[in-house]
Amino acid sequence: MARTATEELSGGRTGAAGSDERPVLVVLHQEHSTPGRVGQTLLRRGVALDIRRPPLGDPLPETMEGHRGVVIFGGPMSANDEQDHVRREIDWIAVPLKEKAPFFGICLGGQMLARQIGGSVGPHPEGKAEIGYYPLQPTQTGAALLEWPDKVYQWHREGFQLPASADVLATGDIFREQAFRYGENAFGIQFHCELTLAMMHRWTVRGHQRMDLPGAQGRREHFAGRAIHDAPLRDWMERFIDLWLASDAR
């Protein structure tokens, strides 16, 4: 399964010059999900991918010694769900945190990180969702770290509330906390920097009912927004991945 997903991204290669280095652990939550542009960016940097899908029975490692870092992606479930695999995954995040391995959580992955460190996850008090492109404002801490895009792509109706131990890096208008850092090398974001054009087509077709939620944008707005806002978001992701890979102080 991991080999198939990696080949889809890399044309059969699992890393170029860095193929003898430790892979990044990629955690996905659906059979046909891929790491999208994040995976492509890592592969271009010679970093191999070890793709696992815990909801389908793939185990997570007992230690991060064999991995350069971990990226946990989004999914249709909630970080508050009671399924065993959701609870186990949130508990497992203690492993990279304890070992100070680079951690990157996207949407659900960021919400799982928030829960692991004592934060909470829940819906907007007015029932609003963020489905489409929405404004992003870096905090002083975030702006000192790197340059951020003005708008980012969102696909969620729950957000995280962070404990005081986390540094908020960026905020939004509907769901306030949008990006954070915990310690030196664990990061969580609410938005989707990994989205390719093909993924946007799939999401807006298969998840078309989400666009009827309060605050959500229509499908045409998604593609119009991508034409304007995708390049800065892609550039942010490239800079962030380099910063994130460099954060491994082990």
Foldseek 3Di string as FASTA:
>chain_A
DQQVLLCVLVVRDQFDPQLVAFAEEEEEADDPDHLFQLSNLCRVVRHGYDYDHVVVPGDDDPACPRHQYYEYEDDDDACPDPDPSSVVVLVSVVRCVVVVHAYEYEARGLQSPQVSVPKHKDFFPVQAAEAAKFAKAFDPVLVVVDDAFGIFGADDGMDIDHDPQKAQTMAGDRGGGAKIDHPQHHIYGNGDLRDDPVNLVVCCVVVVVSCVTHPHHHSVRRVVCCVPGNVRSNVVSSVVVVSNSVSPPD
